[in-house]
Amino acid sequence: MMTPSLWTKIRASYIRRAARVFARRPFTIKTEVPFISFTFDDFPRSALLGGGSILNSYGLRGTYYASLGLMGKELPTGVMFLAEDLKSLLEQGHELGCHTFGHLDAGATPTSVFEESVLRNRIELGKVAPNNCFRTFSYPINAPLVRTKQSVARHFACCRGGGQDLNVGMADLNCLRAHFLEKSRDNATAVRGLIERNRRVKGWLILATHDICDTPTPFGCSLNFFAEIVQYAVDSGARILPVIEALQALRHE
């Protein structure tokens, strides 16, 4: 008999594979220069106060995927954003993306419940940041169920997943690939190699993480590491833009 942990691993593997194959929205990446986007999930305060400051020092902007239901709370990824952080983020020109209202697991939540949380996040944004809207989305926690992927795609220009890879050739706007920096935070050389590969193949590399501070959680990375990666990205000659702006630029390449 299969143990619950083994069954969980098999199910998660199936969901990831299905998410890669089904409900795709094909998008051809054809560009003369590579693109890079820096993204932050959950939106811990340190992602803006630390990571945002580093991006700002280079004249760059990122994408912050927020769950409004987490505002002001403390989670395993750190202390979450406050209402004033949303205002500051938008004033600095960063993109605010959707991460569901309740930070729901994309691979375990019924699609109807998940979509309801997506729509509620939109409503709550209107209360704290009027005249702003979410244009891109990031799946929380795990790869999405296929039905969820189909449902959520109707609300956004593109949706981002994980996969520890870059987007090149024929990409899927319903589940763009991303590389989570915390999985390589003890190996800056590996990330530099990915940035170099992105430069060679002229792809779109979306880098993701959570908190950015001197003592990061297991889901984030240090200020020094992040600054080093930003420098690598700048040195690669890539166009570094928030997700929605990168998508718009690639559509006009």
C-alpha atoms as a PDB file:
ATOM      1  CA  MET A   1       0.000   0.000   0.000  1.00  0.00           C
ATOM      2  CA  MET A   2       1.233   3.474  -0.922  1.00  0.00           C
ATOM      3  CA  THR A   3       2.124   5.751   1.980  1.00  0.00           C
ATOM      4  CA  PRO A   4       0.363   9.154   2.141  1.00  0.00           C
ATOM      5  CA  SER A   5       3.681  10.950   1.522  1.00  0.00           C
ATOM      6  CA  LEU A   6       4.402   8.860  -1.575  1.00  0.00           C
ATOM      7  CA  TRP A   7       0.888   9.461  -2.889  1.00  0.00           C
ATOM      8  CA  THR A   8       1.295  13.198  -2.288  1.00  0.00           C
ATOM      9  CA  LYS A   9       4.543  13.234  -4.282  1.00  0.00           C
ATOM     10  CA  ILE A  10       3.001  11.262  -7.170  1.00  0.00           C
ATOM     11  CA  ARG A  11      -0.031  13.550  -7.265  1.00  0.00           C
ATOM     12  CA  ALA A  12       2.126  16.696  -7.199  1.00  0.00           C
ATOM     13  CA  SER A  13       4.269  15.338 -10.030  1.00  0.00           C
ATOM     14  CA  TYR A  14       1.166  14.592 -12.113  1.00  0.00           C
ATOM     15  CA  ILE A  15      -0.240  18.093 -11.519  1.00  0.00           C
ATOM     16  CA  ARG A  16       3.056  19.702 -12.562  1.00  0.00           C
ATOM     17  CA  ARG A  17       3.237  17.634 -15.738  1.00  0.00           C
ATOM     18  CA  ALA A  18      -0.394  18.312 -16.628  1.00  0.00           C
ATOM     19  CA  ALA A  19       0.093  22.049 -16.039  1.00  0.00           C
ATOM     20  CA  ARG A  20       2.960  22.058 -18.529  1.00  0.00           C
ATOM     21  CA  VAL A  21       0.999  20.220 -21.230  1.00  0.00           C
ATOM     22  CA  PHE A  22      -2.630  21.338 -21.059  1.00  0.00           C
ATOM     23  CA  ALA A  23      -4.534  24.654 -21.235  1.00  0.00           C
ATOM     24  CA  ARG A  24      -1.592  26.397 -22.854  1.00  0.00           C
ATOM     25  CA  ARG A  25      -1.651  29.903 -24.325  1.00  0.00           C
ATOM     26  CA  PRO A  26       1.249  29.776 -26.807  1.00  0.00           C
ATOM     27  CA  PHE A  27       3.438  32.823 -27.133  1.00  0.00           C
ATOM     28  CA  THR A  28       6.491  32.995 -29.383  1.00  0.00           C
ATOM     29  CA  ILE A  29       9.483  34.769 -27.876  1.00  0.00           C
ATOM     30  CA  LYS A  30      11.464  36.292 -30.713  1.00  0.00           C
ATOM     31  CA  THR A  31      13.769  39.105 -29.702  1.00  0.00           C
ATOM     32  CA  GLU A  32      17.184  40.514 -30.526  1.00  0.00           C
ATOM     33  CA  VAL A  33      17.954  41.154 -26.841  1.00  0.00           C
ATOM     34  CA  PRO A  34      17.334  38.996 -23.754  1.00  0.00           C
ATOM     35  CA  PHE A  35      14.730  39.988 -21.164  1.00  0.00           C
ATOM     36  CA  ILE A  36      14.804  39.570 -17.389  1.00  0.00           C
ATOM     37  CA  SER A  37      12.065  40.226 -14.819  1.00  0.00           C
ATOM     38  CA  PHE A  38      12.505  40.235 -11.046  1.00  0.00           C
ATOM     39  CA  THR A  39       9.435  39.021  -9.149  1.00  0.00           C
ATOM     40  CA  PHE A  40       8.505  38.602  -5.487  1.00  0.00           C
ATOM     41  CA  ASP A  41       5.779  36.279  -4.204  1.00  0.00           C
ATOM     42  CA  ASP A  42       3.598  36.943  -1.116  1.00  0.00           C
ATOM     43  CA  PHE A  43       5.141  40.442  -0.906  1.00  0.00           C
ATOM     44  CA  PRO A  44       7.004  40.432   2.403  1.00  0.00           C
ATOM     45  CA  ARG A  45       7.864  44.009   3.404  1.00  0.00           C
ATOM     46  CA  SER A  46      11.571  43.240   3.017  1.00  0.00           C
ATOM     47  CA  ALA A  47      11.038  42.451  -0.663  1.00  0.00           C
ATOM     48  CA  LEU A  48      10.272  46.135  -1.197  1.00  0.00           C
ATOM     49  CA  LEU A  49      12.375  47.750   1.539  1.00  0.00           C
ATOM     50  CA  GLY A  50      15.414  45.605   0.744  1.00  0.00           C
ATOM     51  CA  GLY A  51      14.969  44.145  -2.733  1.00  0.00           C
ATOM     52  CA  GLY A  52      13.162  47.181  -4.078  1.00  0.00           C
ATOM     53  CA  SER A  53      15.890  49.510  -2.856  1.00  0.00           C
ATOM     54  CA  ILE A  54      18.508  47.468  -4.696  1.00  0.00           C
ATOM     55  CA  LEU A  55      16.465  47.523  -7.902  1.00  0.00           C
ATOM     56  CA  ASN A  56      15.860  51.253  -7.508  1.00  0.00           C
ATOM     57  CA  SER A  57      19.598  51.901  -7.167  1.00  0.00           C
ATOM     58  CA  TYR A  58      19.989  50.582 -10.724  1.00  0.00           C
ATOM     59  CA  GLY A  59      16.925  52.431 -12.001  1.00  0.00           C
ATOM     60  CA  LEU A  60      15.055  49.112 -12.254  1.00  0.00           C
ATOM     61  CA  ARG A  61      11.572  47.972 -11.233  1.00  0.00           C
ATOM     62  CA  GLY A  62      10.088  44.586 -10.353  1.00  0.00           C
ATOM     63  CA  THR A  63       6.788  42.757  -9.991  1.00  0.00           C
ATOM     64  CA  TYR A  64       5.276  42.075  -6.556  1.00  0.00           C
ATOM     65  CA  TYR A  65       2.603  39.382  -6.334  1.00  0.00           C
ATOM     66  CA  ALA A  66       0.352  40.218  -3.395  1.00  0.00           C
ATOM     67  CA  SER A  67      -2.402  38.406  -1.509  1.00  0.00           C
ATOM     68  CA  LEU A  68      -4.417  41.199   0.124  1.00  0.00           C
ATOM     69  CA  GLY A  69      -5.660  38.770   2.766  1.00  0.00           C
ATOM     70  CA  LEU A  70      -2.096  38.541   4.101  1.00  0.00           C
ATOM     71  CA  MET A  71      -1.607  42.285   4.559  1.00  0.00           C
ATOM     72  CA  GLY A  72       0.088  43.059   7.867  1.00  0.00           C
ATOM     73  CA  LYS A  73       0.465  39.407   8.886  1.00  0.00           C
ATOM     74  CA  GLU A  74       3.595  37.482   9.768  1.00  0.00           C
ATOM     75  CA  LEU A  75       4.184  34.314   7.731  1.00  0.00           C
ATOM     76  CA  PRO A  76       7.037  31.845   7.217  1.00  0.00           C
ATOM     77  CA  THR A  77       8.244  34.222   4.470  1.00  0.00           C
ATOM     78  CA  GLY A  78       8.407  37.174   6.892  1.00  0.00           C
ATOM     79  CA  VAL A  79       6.263  40.172   7.819  1.00  0.00           C
ATOM     80  CA  MET A  80       3.884  40.991   4.979  1.00  0.00           C
ATOM     81  CA  PHE A  81       3.338  44.365   3.329  1.00  0.00           C
ATOM     82  CA  LEU A  82       1.271  47.146   4.857  1.00  0.00           C
ATOM     83  CA  ALA A  83      -1.206  49.426   3.090  1.00  0.00           C
ATOM     84  CA  GLU A  84       1.401  52.193   2.859  1.00  0.00           C
ATOM     85  CA  ASP A  85       3.793  49.769   1.152  1.00  0.00           C
ATOM     86  CA  LEU A  86       1.316  49.348  -1.697  1.00  0.00           C
ATOM     87  CA  LYS A  87       1.266  53.102  -2.220  1.00  0.00           C
ATOM     88  CA  SER A  88       5.065  53.291  -2.079  1.00  0.00           C
ATOM     89  CA  LEU A  89       5.462  50.383  -4.501  1.00  0.00           C
ATOM     90  CA  LEU A  90       3.182  51.968  -7.082  1.00  0.00           C
ATOM     91  CA  GLU A  91       4.803  55.394  -6.687  1.00  0.00           C
ATOM     92  CA  GLN A  92       8.183  53.804  -7.408  1.00  0.00           C
ATOM     93  CA  GLY A  93       6.845  52.319 -10.648  1.00  0.00           C
ATOM     94  CA  HIS A  94       6.910  48.663  -9.643  1.00  0.00           C
ATOM     95  CA  GLU A  95       4.154  46.344 -10.855  1.00  0.00           C
ATOM     96  CA  LEU A  96       1.609  44.927  -8.404  1.00  0.00           C
ATOM     97  CA  GLY A  97       0.431  41.457  -9.432  1.00  0.00           C
ATOM     98  CA  CYS A  98      -2.230  39.091  -8.091  1.00  0.00           C
ATOM     99  CA  HIS A  99      -1.502  36.083  -5.840  1.00  0.00           C
ATOM    100  CA  THR A 100      -5.147  35.305  -4.827  1.00  0.00           C
ATOM    101  CA  PHE A 101      -6.702  36.949  -1.760  1.00  0.00           C
ATOM    102  CA  GLY A 102      -6.126  34.029   0.592  1.00  0.00           C
ATOM    103  CA  HIS A 103      -2.805  32.728  -0.767  1.00  0.00           C
ATOM    104  CA  LEU A 104      -4.480  29.487  -1.832  1.00  0.00           C
ATOM    105  CA  ASP A 105      -2.582  26.434  -3.049  1.00  0.00           C
ATOM    106  CA  ALA A 106      -3.065  26.366  -6.838  1.00  0.00           C
ATOM    107  CA  GLY A 107      -2.610  22.591  -6.906  1.00  0.00           C
ATOM    108  CA  ALA A 108      -4.946  21.679  -4.044  1.00  0.00           C
ATOM    109  CA  THR A 109      -7.798  24.214  -4.024  1.00  0.00           C
ATOM    110  CA  PRO A 110     -11.048  23.567  -5.939  1.00  0.00           C
ATOM    111  CA  THR A 111     -11.113  25.759  -9.028  1.00  0.00           C
ATOM    112  CA  SER A 112     -14.300  27.607  -8.068  1.00  0.00           C
ATOM    113  CA  VAL A 113     -12.875  28.539  -4.665  1.00  0.00           C
ATOM    114  CA  PHE A 114      -9.572  29.563  -6.227  1.00  0.00           C
ATOM    115  CA  GLU A 115     -11.207  31.820  -8.808  1.00  0.00           C
ATOM    116  CA  GLU A 116     -13.388  33.401  -6.127  1.00  0.00           C
ATOM    117  CA  SER A 117     -10.215  34.292  -4.217  1.00  0.00           C
ATOM    118  CA  VAL A 118      -8.706  35.810  -7.373  1.00  0.00           C
ATOM    119  CA  LEU A 119     -11.765  38.006  -7.860  1.00  0.00           C
ATOM    120  CA  ARG A 120     -11.877  39.007  -4.195  1.00  0.00           C
ATOM    121  CA  ASN A 121      -8.257  40.121  -4.379  1.00  0.00           C
ATOM    122  CA  ARG A 122      -9.243  42.433  -7.226  1.00  0.00           C
ATOM    123  CA  ILE A 123     -12.083  43.908  -5.168  1.00  0.00           C
ATOM    124  CA  GLU A 124      -9.884  44.432  -2.101  1.00  0.00           C
ATOM    125  CA  LEU A 125      -7.227  46.137  -4.221  1.00  0.00           C
ATOM    126  CA  GLY A 126      -9.829  48.661  -5.297  1.00  0.00           C
ATOM    127  CA  LYS A 127     -10.413  49.526  -1.641  1.00  0.00           C
ATOM    128  CA  VAL A 128      -6.781  50.141  -0.684  1.00  0.00           C
ATOM    129  CA  ALA A 129      -5.384  51.344  -4.024  1.00  0.00           C
ATOM    130  CA  PRO A 130      -8.210  52.811  -6.123  1.00  0.00           C
ATOM    131  CA  ASN A 131      -7.668  53.181  -9.884  1.00  0.00           C
ATOM    132  CA  ASN A 132      -5.170  50.303  -9.915  1.00  0.00           C
ATOM    133  CA  CYS A 133      -5.658  46.788 -11.212  1.00  0.00           C
ATOM    134  CA  PHE A 134      -3.862  43.458 -11.409  1.00  0.00           C
ATOM    135  CA  ARG A 135      -2.681  42.567 -14.906  1.00  0.00           C
ATOM    136  CA  THR A 136      -0.495  39.545 -14.201  1.00  0.00           C
ATOM    137  CA  PHE A 137      -0.740  36.614 -11.798  1.00  0.00           C
ATOM    138  CA  SER A 138       1.486  34.169  -9.917  1.00  0.00           C
ATOM    139  CA  TYR A 139       0.246  30.755  -8.749  1.00  0.00           C
ATOM    140  CA  PRO A 140       0.778  30.360  -4.995  1.00  0.00           C
ATOM    141  CA  ILE A 141       2.561  27.350  -3.478  1.00  0.00           C
ATOM    142  CA  ASN A 142       2.224  24.721  -6.233  1.00  0.00           C
ATOM    143  CA  ALA A 143       1.614  24.274  -9.954  1.00  0.00           C
ATOM    144  CA  PRO A 144      -2.071  24.757 -10.835  1.00  0.00           C
ATOM    145  CA  LEU A 145      -4.754  22.214 -11.542  1.00  0.00           C
ATOM    146  CA  VAL A 146      -5.551  22.253 -15.259  1.00  0.00           C
ATOM    147  CA  ARG A 147      -9.074  23.586 -14.670  1.00  0.00           C
ATOM    148  CA  THR A 148      -7.662  26.302 -12.444  1.00  0.00           C
ATOM    149  CA  LYS A 149      -5.135  27.224 -15.099  1.00  0.00           C
ATOM    150  CA  GLN A 150      -7.945  27.544 -17.658  1.00  0.00           C
ATOM    151  CA  SER A 151     -10.107  29.591 -15.312  1.00  0.00           C
ATOM    152  CA  VAL A 152      -7.509  32.034 -14.028  1.00  0.00           C
ATOM    153  CA  ALA A 153      -6.072  32.713 -17.485  1.00  0.00           C
ATOM    154  CA  ARG A 154      -9.249  34.580 -18.447  1.00  0.00           C
ATOM    155  CA  HIS A 155      -8.446  37.337 -15.965  1.00  0.00           C
ATOM    156  CA  PHE A 156      -4.802  38.149 -16.731  1.00  0.00           C
ATOM    157  CA  ALA A 157      -2.415  39.001 -19.549  1.00  0.00           C
ATOM    158  CA  CYS A 158      -0.147  36.222 -18.282  1.00  0.00           C
ATOM    159  CA  CYS A 159       0.329  33.898 -15.325  1.00  0.00           C
ATOM    160  CA  ARG A 160       3.626  32.797 -13.781  1.00  0.00           C
ATOM    161  CA  GLY A 161       4.579  29.457 -12.285  1.00  0.00           C
ATOM    162  CA  GLY A 162       7.951  27.979 -11.345  1.00  0.00           C
ATOM    163  CA  GLY A 163       9.946  25.252 -13.041  1.00  0.00           C
ATOM    164  CA  GLN A 164      13.471  26.613 -12.383  1.00  0.00           C
ATOM    165  CA  ASP A 165      13.939  27.529 -16.030  1.00  0.00           C
ATOM    166  CA  LEU A 166      13.687  30.405 -18.477  1.00  0.00           C
ATOM    167  CA  ASN A 167      11.203  31.068 -21.279  1.00  0.00           C
ATOM    168  CA  VAL A 168      12.542  30.670 -24.799  1.00  0.00           C
ATOM    169  CA  GLY A 169      11.005  29.847 -28.167  1.00  0.00           C
ATOM    170  CA  MET A 170       7.367  28.876 -27.636  1.00  0.00           C
ATOM    171  CA  ALA A 171       6.337  29.948 -24.132  1.00  0.00           C
ATOM    172  CA  ASP A 172       3.050  29.419 -22.293  1.00  0.00           C
ATOM    173  CA  LEU A 173       1.449  32.667 -21.098  1.00  0.00           C
ATOM    174  CA  ASN A 174      -0.831  30.649 -18.817  1.00  0.00           C
ATOM    175  CA  CYS A 175       2.143  29.294 -16.880  1.00  0.00           C
ATOM    176  CA  LEU A 176       5.374  31.146 -17.588  1.00  0.00           C
ATOM    177  CA  ARG A 177       8.474  29.531 -16.155  1.00  0.00           C
ATOM    178  CA  ALA A 178      10.493  31.124 -13.376  1.00  0.00           C
ATOM    179  CA  HIS A 179      13.649  30.418 -11.392  1.00  0.00           C
ATOM    180  CA  PHE A 180      13.352  30.788  -7.610  1.00  0.00           C
ATOM    181  CA  LEU A 181      16.539  32.394  -6.317  1.00  0.00           C
ATOM    182  CA  GLU A 182      16.322  30.843  -2.855  1.00  0.00           C
ATOM    183  CA  LYS A 183      16.948  27.434  -4.374  1.00  0.00           C
ATOM    184  CA  SER A 184      20.345  28.680  -5.553  1.00  0.00           C
ATOM    185  CA  ARG A 185      21.145  31.197  -2.851  1.00  0.00           C
ATOM    186  CA  ASP A 186      24.357  29.385  -1.924  1.00  0.00           C
ATOM    187  CA  ASN A 187      25.417  29.148  -5.550  1.00  0.00           C
ATOM    188  CA  ALA A 188      25.510  32.510  -7.286  1.00  0.00           C
ATOM    189  CA  THR A 189      27.570  30.923 -10.049  1.00  0.00           C
ATOM    190  CA  ALA A 190      24.616  28.726 -11.033  1.00  0.00           C
ATOM    191  CA  VAL A 191      22.338  31.761 -11.342  1.00  0.00           C
ATOM    192  CA  ARG A 192      24.994  33.600 -13.310  1.00  0.00           C
ATOM    193  CA  GLY A 193      25.130  30.611 -15.664  1.00  0.00           C
ATOM    194  CA  LEU A 194      21.362  30.830 -16.181  1.00  0.00           C
ATOM    195  CA  ILE A 195      21.610  34.564 -16.884  1.00  0.00           C
ATOM    196  CA  GLU A 196      24.386  33.861 -19.363  1.00  0.00           C
ATOM    197  CA  ARG A 197      22.300  31.157 -21.047  1.00  0.00           C
ATOM    198  CA  ASN A 198      19.408  33.612 -21.280  1.00  0.00           C
ATOM    199  CA  ARG A 199      21.755  36.079 -22.972  1.00  0.00           C
ATOM    200  CA  ARG A 200      22.863  33.478 -25.530  1.00  0.00           C
ATOM    201  CA  VAL A 201      19.412  32.159 -26.448  1.00  0.00           C
ATOM    202  CA  LYS A 202      17.730  35.597 -26.186  1.00  0.00           C
ATOM    203  CA  GLY A 203      14.975  34.399 -23.896  1.00  0.00           C
ATOM    204  CA  TRP A 204      12.883  35.813 -21.066  1.00  0.00           C
ATOM    205  CA  LEU A 205      14.232  34.894 -17.638  1.00  0.00           C
ATOM    206  CA  ILE A 206      11.833  35.508 -14.763  1.00  0.00           C
ATOM    207  CA  LEU A 207      13.600  35.427 -11.411  1.00  0.00           C
ATOM    208  CA  ALA A 208      11.454  34.912  -8.316  1.00  0.00           C
ATOM    209  CA  THR A 209      11.872  34.894  -4.549  1.00  0.00           C
ATOM    210  CA  HIS A 210      10.162  36.083  -1.369  1.00  0.00           C
ATOM    211  CA  ASP A 211      11.939  38.042   1.408  1.00  0.00           C
ATOM    212  CA  ILE A 212      15.205  39.959   0.898  1.00  0.00           C
ATOM    213  CA  CYS A 213      17.114  40.786   4.080  1.00  0.00           C
ATOM    214  CA  ASP A 214      20.298  40.129   6.051  1.00  0.00           C
ATOM    215  CA  THR A 215      18.764  37.088   7.755  1.00  0.00           C
ATOM    216  CA  PRO A 216      16.392  35.637   5.136  1.00  0.00           C
ATOM    217  CA  THR A 217      13.881  32.884   5.729  1.00  0.00           C
ATOM    218  CA  PRO A 218      14.352  29.601   3.817  1.00  0.00           C
ATOM    219  CA  PHE A 219      12.120  31.137   1.129  1.00  0.00           C
ATOM    220  CA  GLY A 220      14.206  34.252   0.492  1.00  0.00           C
ATOM    221  CA  CYS A 221      17.772  35.403   0.011  1.00  0.00           C
ATOM    222  CA  SER A 222      20.221  37.868   1.479  1.00  0.00           C
ATOM    223  CA  LEU A 223      20.681  41.465   0.417  1.00  0.00           C
ATOM    224  CA  ASN A 224      24.232  40.765  -0.758  1.00  0.00           C
ATOM    225  CA  PHE A 225      23.194  37.761  -2.825  1.00  0.00           C
ATOM    226  CA  PHE A 226      20.316  39.640  -4.436  1.00  0.00           C
ATOM    227  CA  ALA A 227      22.531  42.630  -5.221  1.00  0.00           C
ATOM    228  CA  GLU A 228      25.043  40.293  -6.847  1.00  0.00           C
ATOM    229  CA  ILE A 229      22.345  38.732  -9.029  1.00  0.00           C
ATOM    230  CA  VAL A 230      20.993  42.136 -10.064  1.00  0.00           C
ATOM    231  CA  GLN A 231      24.514  43.151 -11.077  1.00  0.00           C
ATOM    232  CA  TYR A 232      24.866  39.956 -13.160  1.00  0.00           C
ATOM    233  CA  ALA A 233      21.553  40.739 -14.851  1.00  0.00           C
ATOM    234  CA  VAL A 234      22.592  44.300 -15.672  1.00  0.00           C
ATOM    235  CA  ASP A 235      25.966  43.148 -16.993  1.00  0.00           C
ATOM    236  CA  SER A 236      24.250  40.635 -19.311  1.00  0.00           C
ATOM    237  CA  GLY A 237      22.790  43.474 -21.367  1.00  0.00           C
ATOM    238  CA  ALA A 238      19.238  42.235 -20.857  1.00  0.00           C
ATOM    239  CA  ARG A 239      16.225  44.516 -20.861  1.00  0.00           C
ATOM    240  CA  ILE A 240      15.090  44.356 -17.228  1.00  0.00           C
ATOM    241  CA  LEU A 241      11.394  45.119 -16.837  1.00  0.00           C
ATOM    242  CA  PRO A 242       8.382  44.208 -14.682  1.00  0.00           C
ATOM    243  CA  VAL A 243       6.459  41.232 -16.081  1.00  0.00           C
ATOM    244  CA  ILE A 244       3.641  43.176 -17.743  1.00  0.00           C
ATOM    245  CA  GLU A 245       6.068  45.597 -19.410  1.00  0.00           C
ATOM    246  CA  ALA A 246       8.325  42.784 -20.583  1.00  0.00           C
ATOM    247  CA  LEU A 247       5.330  41.028 -22.122  1.00  0.00           C
ATOM    248  CA  GLN A 248       4.227  44.221 -23.876  1.00  0.00           C
ATOM    249  CA  ALA A 249       7.729  44.829 -25.199  1.00  0.00           C
ATOM    250  CA  LEU A 250       8.099  41.268 -26.455  1.00  0.00           C
ATOM    251  CA  ARG A 251       4.803  41.540 -28.295  1.00  0.00           C
ATOM    252  CA  HIS A 252       6.234  44.448 -30.261  1.00  0.00           C
ATOM    253  CA  GLU A 253       9.653  42.947 -30.977  1.00  0.00           C
END
